[in-house]
PDB file of all heavy atoms in Angstrom:
ATOM      1  N   VAL A   1       4.468  -7.484   5.064  1.00  0.00           N
ATOM      2  CA  VAL A   1       3.063  -7.700   5.428  1.00  0.00           C
ATOM      3  C   VAL A   1       2.751  -7.005   6.682  1.00  0.00           C
ATOM      4  O   VAL A   1       1.707  -6.351   6.804  1.00  0.00           O
ATOM      5  CB  VAL A   1       2.771  -9.265   5.512  1.00  0.00           C
ATOM      6  CG1 VAL A   1       1.346  -9.426   5.979  1.00  0.00           C
ATOM      7  CG2 VAL A   1       2.924  -9.880   4.130  1.00  0.00           C
ATOM      8  N   GLN A   2       3.587  -7.195   7.723  1.00  0.00           N
ATOM      9  CA  GLN A   2       3.315  -6.482   9.038  1.00  0.00           C
ATOM     10  C   GLN A   2       3.371  -4.967   8.953  1.00  0.00           C
ATOM     11  O   GLN A   2       2.576  -4.333   9.558  1.00  0.00           O
ATOM     12  CB  GLN A   2       4.355  -6.955  10.019  1.00  0.00           C
ATOM     13  CG  GLN A   2       4.308  -6.372  11.395  1.00  0.00           C
ATOM     14  CD  GLN A   2       5.294  -6.877  12.352  1.00  0.00           C
ATOM     15  OE1 GLN A   2       5.994  -7.876  12.131  1.00  0.00           O
ATOM     16  NE2 GLN A   2       5.404  -6.133  13.514  1.00  0.00           N
ATOM     17  N   ASP A   3       4.337  -4.481   8.146  1.00  0.00           N
ATOM     18  CA  ASP A   3       4.369  -3.038   7.882  1.00  0.00           C
ATOM     19  C   ASP A   3       3.109  -2.469   7.244  1.00  0.00           C
ATOM     20  O   ASP A   3       2.621  -1.423   7.623  1.00  0.00           O
ATOM     21  CB  ASP A   3       5.589  -2.714   7.053  1.00  0.00           C
ATOM     22  CG  ASP A   3       6.889  -2.895   7.720  1.00  0.00           C
ATOM     23  OD1 ASP A   3       6.974  -2.951   8.960  1.00  0.00           O
ATOM     24  OD2 ASP A   3       7.927  -3.075   7.035  1.00  0.00           O
ATOM     25  N   VAL A   4       2.582  -3.170   6.249  1.00  0.00           N
ATOM     26  CA  VAL A   4       1.409  -2.731   5.612  1.00  0.00           C
ATOM     27  C   VAL A   4       0.165  -2.650   6.524  1.00  0.00           C
ATOM     28  O   VAL A   4      -0.533  -1.687   6.663  1.00  0.00           O
ATOM     29  CB  VAL A   4       1.011  -3.669   4.423  1.00  0.00           C
ATOM     30  CG1 VAL A   4      -0.421  -3.363   3.873  1.00  0.00           C
ATOM     31  CG2 VAL A   4       2.044  -3.549   3.295  1.00  0.00           C
ATOM     32  N   LEU A   5       0.086  -3.761   7.396  1.00  0.00           N
ATOM     33  CA  LEU A   5      -1.016  -3.828   8.352  1.00  0.00           C
ATOM     34  C   LEU A   5      -0.899  -2.705   9.455  1.00  0.00           C
ATOM     35  O   LEU A   5      -1.937  -2.104   9.829  1.00  0.00           O
ATOM     36  CB  LEU A   5      -0.993  -5.176   9.026  1.00  0.00           C
ATOM     37  CG  LEU A   5      -1.326  -6.369   8.056  1.00  0.00           C
ATOM     38  CD1 LEU A   5      -1.304  -7.645   8.813  1.00  0.00           C
ATOM     39  CD2 LEU A   5      -2.722  -6.204   7.416  1.00  0.00           C
ATOM     40  N   GLU A   6       0.277  -2.458   9.845  1.00  0.00           N
ATOM     41  CA  GLU A   6       0.534  -1.423  10.959  1.00  0.00           C
ATOM     42  C   GLU A   6       0.330  -0.029  10.320  1.00  0.00           C
ATOM     43  O   GLU A   6      -0.289   0.855  11.030  1.00  0.00           O
ATOM     44  CB  GLU A   6       1.890  -1.551  11.478  1.00  0.00           C
ATOM     45  CG  GLU A   6       2.111  -2.775  12.379  1.00  0.00           C
ATOM     46  CD  GLU A   6       3.484  -2.947  12.978  1.00  0.00           C
ATOM     47  OE1 GLU A   6       4.342  -2.104  12.593  1.00  0.00           O
ATOM     48  OE2 GLU A   6       3.700  -3.931  13.757  1.00  0.00           O
ATOM     49  N   LEU A   7       0.826   0.285   9.150  1.00  0.00           N
ATOM     50  CA  LEU A   7       0.697   1.547   8.528  1.00  0.00           C
ATOM     51  C   LEU A   7      -0.728   1.862   8.002  1.00  0.00           C
ATOM     52  O   LEU A   7      -1.146   3.019   7.974  1.00  0.00           O
ATOM     53  CB  LEU A   7       1.714   1.752   7.411  1.00  0.00           C
ATOM     54  CG  LEU A   7       3.163   1.791   7.820  1.00  0.00           C
ATOM     55  CD1 LEU A   7       4.034   1.657   6.571  1.00  0.00           C
ATOM     56  CD2 LEU A   7       3.494   2.982   8.580  1.00  0.00           C
ATOM     57  N   ASN A   8      -1.486   0.811   7.794  1.00  0.00           N
ATOM     58  CA  ASN A   8      -2.846   0.894   7.360  1.00  0.00           C
ATOM     59  C   ASN A   8      -3.135   1.951   6.295  1.00  0.00           C
ATOM     60  O   ASN A   8      -3.951   2.847   6.526  1.00  0.00           O
ATOM     61  CB  ASN A   8      -3.702   1.255   8.645  1.00  0.00           C
ATOM     62  CG  ASN A   8      -5.244   1.146   8.372  1.00  0.00           C
ATOM     63  OD1 ASN A   8      -5.665   0.288   7.631  1.00  0.00           O
ATOM     64  ND2 ASN A   8      -5.975   1.958   9.116  1.00  0.00           N
ATOM     65  N   PRO A   9      -2.567   1.795   5.165  1.00  0.00           N
ATOM     66  CA  PRO A   9      -2.751   2.768   4.052  1.00  0.00           C
ATOM     67  C   PRO A   9      -4.121   2.553   3.430  1.00  0.00           C
ATOM     68  O   PRO A   9      -4.725   1.462   3.619  1.00  0.00           O
ATOM     69  CB  PRO A   9      -1.652   2.454   3.086  1.00  0.00           C
ATOM     70  CG  PRO A   9      -1.422   1.005   3.290  1.00  0.00           C
ATOM     71  CD  PRO A   9      -1.649   0.744   4.766  1.00  0.00           C
ATOM     72  N   GLN A  10      -4.571   3.484   2.556  1.00  0.00           N
ATOM     73  CA  GLN A  10      -5.793   3.306   1.799  1.00  0.00           C
ATOM     74  C   GLN A  10      -5.576   2.484   0.553  1.00  0.00           C
ATOM     75  O   GLN A  10      -6.529   1.986  -0.041  1.00  0.00           O
ATOM     76  CB  GLN A  10      -6.460   4.615   1.486  1.00  0.00           C
ATOM     77  CG  GLN A  10      -7.397   5.199   2.525  1.00  0.00           C
ATOM     78  CD  GLN A  10      -6.609   5.708   3.737  1.00  0.00           C
ATOM     79  OE1 GLN A  10      -5.744   6.546   3.585  1.00  0.00           O
ATOM     80  NE2 GLN A  10      -6.933   5.201   4.928  1.00  0.00           N
ATOM     81  N   LEU A  11      -4.287   2.432   0.053  1.00  0.00           N
ATOM     82  CA  LEU A  11      -3.983   1.698  -1.135  1.00  0.00           C
ATOM     83  C   LEU A  11      -2.513   1.315  -1.171  1.00  0.00           C
ATOM     84  O   LEU A  11      -1.694   2.094  -0.581  1.00  0.00           O
ATOM     85  CB  LEU A  11      -4.319   2.542  -2.389  1.00  0.00           C
ATOM     86  CG  LEU A  11      -4.102   1.875  -3.780  1.00  0.00           C
ATOM     87  CD1 LEU A  11      -5.159   2.341  -4.759  1.00  0.00           C
ATOM     88  CD2 LEU A  11      -2.724   2.206  -4.333  1.00  0.00           C
ATOM     89  N   VAL A  12      -2.165   0.133  -1.703  1.00  0.00           N
ATOM     90  CA  VAL A  12      -0.777  -0.355  -1.822  1.00  0.00           C
ATOM     91  C   VAL A  12      -0.409  -0.451  -3.220  1.00  0.00           C
ATOM     92  O   VAL A  12      -1.053  -1.108  -3.995  1.00  0.00           O
ATOM     93  CB  VAL A  12      -0.598  -1.679  -1.047  1.00  0.00           C
ATOM     94  CG1 VAL A  12       0.813  -2.172  -1.161  1.00  0.00           C
ATOM     95  CG2 VAL A  12      -1.015  -1.484   0.413  1.00  0.00           C
ATOM     96  N   LEU A  13       0.721   0.120  -3.618  1.00  0.00           N
ATOM     97  CA  LEU A  13       1.382  -0.133  -4.899  1.00  0.00           C
ATOM     98  C   LEU A  13       2.490  -1.194  -4.647  1.00  0.00           C
ATOM     99  O   LEU A  13       3.442  -0.860  -3.965  1.00  0.00           O
ATOM    100  CB  LEU A  13       1.967   1.157  -5.480  1.00  0.00           C
ATOM    101  CG  LEU A  13       0.979   2.233  -5.853  1.00  0.00           C
ATOM    102  CD1 LEU A  13       1.666   3.536  -6.407  1.00  0.00           C
ATOM    103  CD2 LEU A  13      -0.083   1.752  -6.917  1.00  0.00           C
ATOM    104  N   LEU A  14       2.388  -2.376  -5.242  1.00  0.00           N
ATOM    105  CA  LEU A  14       3.175  -3.447  -4.777  1.00  0.00           C
ATOM    106  C   LEU A  14       4.003  -4.084  -6.091  1.00  0.00           C
ATOM    107  O   LEU A  14       3.386  -4.438  -7.020  1.00  0.00           O
ATOM    108  CB  LEU A  14       2.346  -4.564  -4.179  1.00  0.00           C
ATOM    109  CG  LEU A  14       3.036  -5.898  -3.809  1.00  0.00           C
ATOM    110  CD1 LEU A  14       4.080  -5.680  -2.764  1.00  0.00           C
ATOM    111  CD2 LEU A  14       1.891  -6.880  -3.327  1.00  0.00           C
ATOM    112  N   ASP A  15       5.341  -4.072  -5.933  1.00  0.00           N
ATOM    113  CA  ASP A  15       6.129  -4.712  -6.945  1.00  0.00           C
ATOM    114  C   ASP A  15       6.138  -6.182  -6.711  1.00  0.00           C
ATOM    115  O   ASP A  15       5.951  -6.676  -5.542  1.00  0.00           O
ATOM    116  CB  ASP A  15       7.534  -4.134  -6.908  1.00  0.00           C
ATOM    117  CG  ASP A  15       8.416  -4.562  -8.105  1.00  0.00           C
ATOM    118  OD1 ASP A  15       7.838  -5.023  -9.065  1.00  0.00           O
ATOM    119  OD2 ASP A  15       9.634  -4.511  -7.961  1.00  0.00           O
ATOM    120  N   ILE A  16       6.422  -6.970  -7.743  1.00  0.00           N
ATOM    121  CA  ILE A  16       6.546  -8.505  -7.610  1.00  0.00           C
ATOM    122  C   ILE A  16       7.919  -8.817  -7.163  1.00  0.00           C
ATOM    123  O   ILE A  16       8.114  -9.633  -6.233  1.00  0.00           O
ATOM    124  CB  ILE A  16       6.158  -9.197  -8.873  1.00  0.00           C
ATOM    125  CG1 ILE A  16       4.660  -8.948  -9.219  1.00  0.00           C
ATOM    126  CG2 ILE A  16       6.420 -10.720  -8.792  1.00  0.00           C
ATOM    127  CD1 ILE A  16       4.176  -9.613 -10.501  1.00  0.00           C
ATOM    128  N   ASN A  17       8.926  -8.285  -7.808  1.00  0.00           N
ATOM    129  CA  ASN A  17      10.315  -8.711  -7.583  1.00  0.00           C
ATOM    130  C   ASN A  17      10.849  -7.935  -6.438  1.00  0.00           C
ATOM    131  O   ASN A  17      11.297  -6.808  -6.478  1.00  0.00           O
ATOM    132  CB  ASN A  17      11.178  -8.454  -8.786  1.00  0.00           C
ATOM    133  CG  ASN A  17      10.725  -9.327 -10.023  1.00  0.00           C
ATOM    134  OD1 ASN A  17      10.431 -10.491  -9.859  1.00  0.00           O
ATOM    135  ND2 ASN A  17      10.738  -8.703 -11.167  1.00  0.00           N
ATOM    136  N   LEU A  18      10.824  -8.525  -5.219  1.00  0.00           N
ATOM    137  CA  LEU A  18      11.300  -7.936  -3.963  1.00  0.00           C
ATOM    138  C   LEU A  18      12.222  -8.867  -3.250  1.00  0.00           C
ATOM    139  O   LEU A  18      12.180 -10.126  -3.420  1.00  0.00           O
ATOM    140  CB  LEU A  18      10.053  -7.597  -3.042  1.00  0.00           C
ATOM    141  CG  LEU A  18       9.069  -6.557  -3.588  1.00  0.00           C
ATOM    142  CD1 LEU A  18       7.840  -6.568  -2.675  1.00  0.00           C
ATOM    143  CD2 LEU A  18       9.652  -5.190  -3.568  1.00  0.00           C
ATOM    144  N   PRO A  19      13.144  -8.263  -2.433  1.00  0.00           N
ATOM    145  CA  PRO A  19      13.985  -9.158  -1.675  1.00  0.00           C
ATOM    146  C   PRO A  19      13.155  -9.838  -0.536  1.00  0.00           C
ATOM    147  O   PRO A  19      12.143  -9.398  -0.218  1.00  0.00           O
ATOM    148  CB  PRO A  19      14.946  -8.186  -1.053  1.00  0.00           C
ATOM    149  CG  PRO A  19      14.286  -6.866  -1.085  1.00  0.00           C
ATOM    150  CD  PRO A  19      13.392  -6.876  -2.256  1.00  0.00           C
ATOM    151  N   PHE A  20      13.725 -10.987  -0.062  1.00  0.00           N
ATOM    152  CA  PHE A  20      13.162 -11.799   1.048  1.00  0.00           C
ATOM    153  C   PHE A  20      11.858 -12.504   0.591  1.00  0.00           C
ATOM    154  O   PHE A  20      11.883 -13.779   0.626  1.00  0.00           O
ATOM    155  CB  PHE A  20      12.846 -10.910   2.256  1.00  0.00           C
ATOM    156  CG  PHE A  20      14.045 -10.132   2.761  1.00  0.00           C
ATOM    157  CD1 PHE A  20      14.108  -8.751   2.569  1.00  0.00           C
ATOM    158  CD2 PHE A  20      15.081 -10.786   3.452  1.00  0.00           C
ATOM    159  CE1 PHE A  20      15.256  -8.054   3.056  1.00  0.00           C
ATOM    160  CE2 PHE A  20      16.172 -10.115   3.887  1.00  0.00           C
ATOM    161  CZ  PHE A  20      16.265  -8.740   3.708  1.00  0.00           C
ATOM    162  N   GLN A  21      10.846 -11.828   0.279  1.00  0.00           N
ATOM    163  CA  GLN A  21       9.609 -12.458  -0.128  1.00  0.00           C
ATOM    164  C   GLN A  21       9.036 -11.669  -1.426  1.00  0.00           C
ATOM    165  O   GLN A  21       9.086 -10.458  -1.447  1.00  0.00           O
ATOM    166  CB  GLN A  21       8.547 -12.457   0.970  1.00  0.00           C
ATOM    167  CG  GLN A  21       8.981 -13.099   2.227  1.00  0.00           C
ATOM    168  CD  GLN A  21       8.242 -12.676   3.437  1.00  0.00           C
ATOM    169  OE1 GLN A  21       7.692 -11.488   3.545  1.00  0.00           O
ATOM    170  NE2 GLN A  21       8.201 -13.453   4.463  1.00  0.00           N
ATOM    171  N   ASP A  22       8.494 -12.426  -2.431  1.00  0.00           N
ATOM    172  CA  ASP A  22       8.060 -11.767  -3.622  1.00  0.00           C
ATOM    173  C   ASP A  22       6.664 -11.196  -3.418  1.00  0.00           C
ATOM    174  O   ASP A  22       5.945 -11.443  -2.364  1.00  0.00           O
ATOM    175  CB  ASP A  22       8.099 -12.716  -4.753  1.00  0.00           C
ATOM    176  CG  ASP A  22       7.146 -13.888  -4.725  1.00  0.00           C
ATOM    177  OD1 ASP A  22       6.238 -13.803  -3.984  1.00  0.00           O
ATOM    178  OD2 ASP A  22       7.317 -14.865  -5.502  1.00  0.00           O
ATOM    179  N   GLY A  23       6.276 -10.394  -4.378  1.00  0.00           N
ATOM    180  CA  GLY A  23       4.994  -9.694  -4.200  1.00  0.00           C
ATOM    181  C   GLY A  23       3.814 -10.614  -4.225  1.00  0.00           C
ATOM    182  O   GLY A  23       2.741 -10.307  -3.572  1.00  0.00           O
ATOM    183  N   TYR A  24       3.945 -11.834  -4.774  1.00  0.00           N
ATOM    184  CA  TYR A  24       2.827 -12.774  -4.826  1.00  0.00           C
ATOM    185  C   TYR A  24       2.591 -13.219  -3.324  1.00  0.00           C
ATOM    186  O   TYR A  24       1.372 -13.206  -2.941  1.00  0.00           O
ATOM    187  CB  TYR A  24       3.162 -13.971  -5.636  1.00  0.00           C
ATOM    188  CG  TYR A  24       3.249 -13.782  -7.115  1.00  0.00           C
ATOM    189  CD1 TYR A  24       4.169 -14.495  -7.854  1.00  0.00           C
ATOM    190  CD2 TYR A  24       2.316 -12.923  -7.720  1.00  0.00           C
ATOM    191  CE1 TYR A  24       4.194 -14.262  -9.273  1.00  0.00           C
ATOM    192  CE2 TYR A  24       2.396 -12.706  -9.103  1.00  0.00           C
ATOM    193  CZ  TYR A  24       3.314 -13.409  -9.866  1.00  0.00           C
ATOM    194  OH  TYR A  24       3.432 -13.221 -11.196  1.00  0.00           O
ATOM    195  N   TYR A  25       3.613 -13.578  -2.645  1.00  0.00           N
ATOM    196  CA  TYR A  25       3.441 -14.062  -1.249  1.00  0.00           C
ATOM    197  C   TYR A  25       2.874 -12.864  -0.423  1.00  0.00           C
ATOM    198  O   TYR A  25       1.974 -13.124   0.311  1.00  0.00           O
ATOM    199  CB  TYR A  25       4.788 -14.461  -0.703  1.00  0.00           C
ATOM    200  CG  TYR A  25       4.784 -14.772   0.742  1.00  0.00           C
ATOM    201  CD1 TYR A  25       4.341 -16.001   1.251  1.00  0.00           C
ATOM    202  CD2 TYR A  25       5.101 -13.780   1.683  1.00  0.00           C
ATOM    203  CE1 TYR A  25       4.302 -16.310   2.656  1.00  0.00           C
ATOM    204  CE2 TYR A  25       5.095 -14.027   3.080  1.00  0.00           C
ATOM    205  CZ  TYR A  25       4.682 -15.249   3.526  1.00  0.00           C
ATOM    206  OH  TYR A  25       4.644 -15.468   4.871  1.00  0.00           O
ATOM    207  N   ILE A  26       3.452 -11.749  -0.619  1.00  0.00           N
ATOM    208  CA  ILE A  26       2.971 -10.547   0.187  1.00  0.00           C
ATOM    209  C   ILE A  26       1.555 -10.268  -0.079  1.00  0.00           C
ATOM    210  O   ILE A  26       0.798 -10.050   0.868  1.00  0.00           O
ATOM    211  CB  ILE A  26       3.893  -9.314  -0.122  1.00  0.00           C
ATOM    212  CG1 ILE A  26       5.297  -9.552   0.362  1.00  0.00           C
ATOM    213  CG2 ILE A  26       3.282  -8.057   0.534  1.00  0.00           C
ATOM    214  CD1 ILE A  26       6.309  -8.548  -0.076  1.00  0.00           C
ATOM    215  N   CYS A  27       1.091 -10.308  -1.348  1.00  0.00           N
ATOM    216  CA  CYS A  27      -0.264 -10.025  -1.723  1.00  0.00           C
ATOM    217  C   CYS A  27      -1.224 -11.050  -1.025  1.00  0.00           C
ATOM    218  O   CYS A  27      -2.226 -10.671  -0.417  1.00  0.00           O
ATOM    219  CB  CYS A  27      -0.439 -10.062  -3.176  1.00  0.00           C
ATOM    220  SG  CYS A  27      -2.106  -9.631  -3.813  1.00  0.00           S
ATOM    221  N   ARG A  28      -0.836 -12.273  -1.117  1.00  0.00           N
ATOM    222  CA  ARG A  28      -1.666 -13.373  -0.532  1.00  0.00           C
ATOM    223  C   ARG A  28      -1.801 -13.218   0.972  1.00  0.00           C
ATOM    224  O   ARG A  28      -2.875 -13.331   1.504  1.00  0.00           O
ATOM    225  CB  ARG A  28      -1.036 -14.738  -0.869  1.00  0.00           C
ATOM    226  CG  ARG A  28      -1.854 -15.921  -0.296  1.00  0.00           C
ATOM    227  CD  ARG A  28      -1.358 -17.260  -0.722  1.00  0.00           C
ATOM    228  NE  ARG A  28       0.033 -17.453  -0.233  1.00  0.00           N
ATOM    229  CZ  ARG A  28       1.109 -17.540  -0.987  1.00  0.00           C
ATOM    230  NH1 ARG A  28       0.916 -17.441  -2.313  1.00  0.00           N
ATOM    231  NH2 ARG A  28       2.246 -17.794  -0.446  1.00  0.00           N
ATOM    232  N   GLU A  29      -0.640 -12.933   1.639  1.00  0.00           N
ATOM    233  CA  GLU A  29      -0.725 -12.789   3.087  1.00  0.00           C
ATOM    234  C   GLU A  29      -1.427 -11.501   3.565  1.00  0.00           C
ATOM    235  O   GLU A  29      -2.214 -11.564   4.631  1.00  0.00           O
ATOM    236  CB  GLU A  29       0.697 -12.682   3.701  1.00  0.00           C
ATOM    237  CG  GLU A  29       1.481 -13.994   3.502  1.00  0.00           C
ATOM    238  CD  GLU A  29       0.761 -15.229   4.160  1.00  0.00           C
ATOM    239  OE1 GLU A  29       0.485 -15.099   5.322  1.00  0.00           O
ATOM    240  OE2 GLU A  29       0.543 -16.187   3.370  1.00  0.00           O
ATOM    241  N   ILE A  30      -1.383 -10.436   2.785  1.00  0.00           N
ATOM    242  CA  ILE A  30      -2.117  -9.174   3.135  1.00  0.00           C
ATOM    243  C   ILE A  30      -3.619  -9.532   3.024  1.00  0.00           C
ATOM    244  O   ILE A  30      -4.417  -9.180   3.903  1.00  0.00           O
ATOM    245  CB  ILE A  30      -1.692  -8.067   2.260  1.00  0.00           C
ATOM    246  CG1 ILE A  30      -0.272  -7.562   2.530  1.00  0.00           C
ATOM    247  CG2 ILE A  30      -2.727  -6.928   2.354  1.00  0.00           C
ATOM    248  CD1 ILE A  30       0.180  -6.492   1.566  1.00  0.00           C
ATOM    249  N   ARG A  31      -4.023 -10.235   2.000  1.00  0.00           N
ATOM    250  CA  ARG A  31      -5.428 -10.568   1.761  1.00  0.00           C
ATOM    251  C   ARG A  31      -6.025 -11.457   2.870  1.00  0.00           C
ATOM    252  O   ARG A  31      -7.265 -11.428   3.055  1.00  0.00           O
ATOM    253  CB  ARG A  31      -5.630 -11.239   0.367  1.00  0.00           C
ATOM    254  CG  ARG A  31      -5.748 -10.339  -0.709  1.00  0.00           C
ATOM    255  CD  ARG A  31      -7.106  -9.551  -0.600  1.00  0.00           C
ATOM    256  NE  ARG A  31      -7.064  -8.422  -1.577  1.00  0.00           N
ATOM    257  CZ  ARG A  31      -6.748  -7.167  -1.247  1.00  0.00           C
ATOM    258  NH1 ARG A  31      -6.436  -6.885   0.058  1.00  0.00           N
ATOM    259  NH2 ARG A  31      -6.800  -6.223  -2.098  1.00  0.00           N
ATOM    260  N   LYS A  32      -5.230 -12.136   3.581  1.00  0.00           N
ATOM    261  CA  LYS A  32      -5.767 -12.949   4.694  1.00  0.00           C
ATOM    262  C   LYS A  32      -6.226 -12.098   5.853  1.00  0.00           C
ATOM    263  O   LYS A  32      -7.097 -12.541   6.615  1.00  0.00           O
ATOM    264  CB  LYS A  32      -4.605 -13.924   5.216  1.00  0.00           C
ATOM    265  CG  LYS A  32      -4.221 -15.067   4.244  1.00  0.00           C
ATOM    266  CD  LYS A  32      -3.135 -15.893   4.823  1.00  0.00           C
ATOM    267  CE  LYS A  32      -2.731 -17.041   3.836  1.00  0.00           C
ATOM    268  NZ  LYS A  32      -1.666 -17.806   4.378  1.00  0.00           N
ATOM    269  N   LYS A  33      -5.731 -10.852   5.906  1.00  0.00           N
ATOM    270  CA  LYS A  33      -5.980 -10.006   7.022  1.00  0.00           C
ATOM    271  C   LYS A  33      -6.597  -8.618   6.717  1.00  0.00           C
ATOM    272  O   LYS A  33      -6.972  -7.873   7.572  1.00  0.00           O
ATOM    273  CB  LYS A  33      -4.748  -9.832   7.892  1.00  0.00           C
ATOM    274  CG  LYS A  33      -4.172 -11.152   8.416  1.00  0.00           C
ATOM    275  CD  LYS A  33      -2.880 -10.920   9.256  1.00  0.00           C
ATOM    276  CE  LYS A  33      -2.369 -12.275   9.779  1.00  0.00           C
ATOM    277  NZ  LYS A  33      -1.095 -12.035  10.586  1.00  0.00           N
ATOM    278  N   SER A  34      -6.517  -8.240   5.450  1.00  0.00           N
ATOM    279  CA  SER A  34      -6.898  -6.904   4.996  1.00  0.00           C
ATOM    280  C   SER A  34      -7.562  -6.895   3.642  1.00  0.00           C
ATOM    281  O   SER A  34      -7.144  -7.639   2.777  1.00  0.00           O
ATOM    282  CB  SER A  34      -5.723  -5.969   5.134  1.00  0.00           C
ATOM    283  OG  SER A  34      -6.094  -4.654   4.607  1.00  0.00           O
ATOM    284  N   SER A  35      -8.460  -5.969   3.422  1.00  0.00           N
ATOM    285  CA  SER A  35      -9.061  -5.842   2.106  1.00  0.00           C
ATOM    286  C   SER A  35      -8.520  -4.477   1.435  1.00  0.00           C
ATOM    287  O   SER A  35      -9.140  -4.052   0.452  1.00  0.00           O
ATOM    288  CB  SER A  35     -10.599  -5.739   2.232  1.00  0.00           C
ATOM    289  OG  SER A  35     -11.005  -4.717   3.050  1.00  0.00           O
ATOM    290  N   VAL A  36      -7.432  -4.069   1.893  1.00  0.00           N
ATOM    291  CA  VAL A  36      -6.824  -2.794   1.329  1.00  0.00           C
ATOM    292  C   VAL A  36      -6.607  -2.997  -0.156  1.00  0.00           C
ATOM    293  O   VAL A  36      -6.185  -4.011  -0.630  1.00  0.00           O
ATOM    294  CB  VAL A  36      -5.474  -2.460   2.057  1.00  0.00           C
ATOM    295  CG1 VAL A  36      -4.472  -3.565   1.835  1.00  0.00           C
ATOM    296  CG2 VAL A  36      -4.950  -1.122   1.488  1.00  0.00           C
TER     297      VAL A  36
END
């Protein structure tokens, strides 16, 4: 989540099955701070 916000891309391709935190959690947290 922090990396996405810092890199500030125009679009994110996001897998669901990821280590540490799954894509669902990451998507939800990104949406709290960004509309990318």
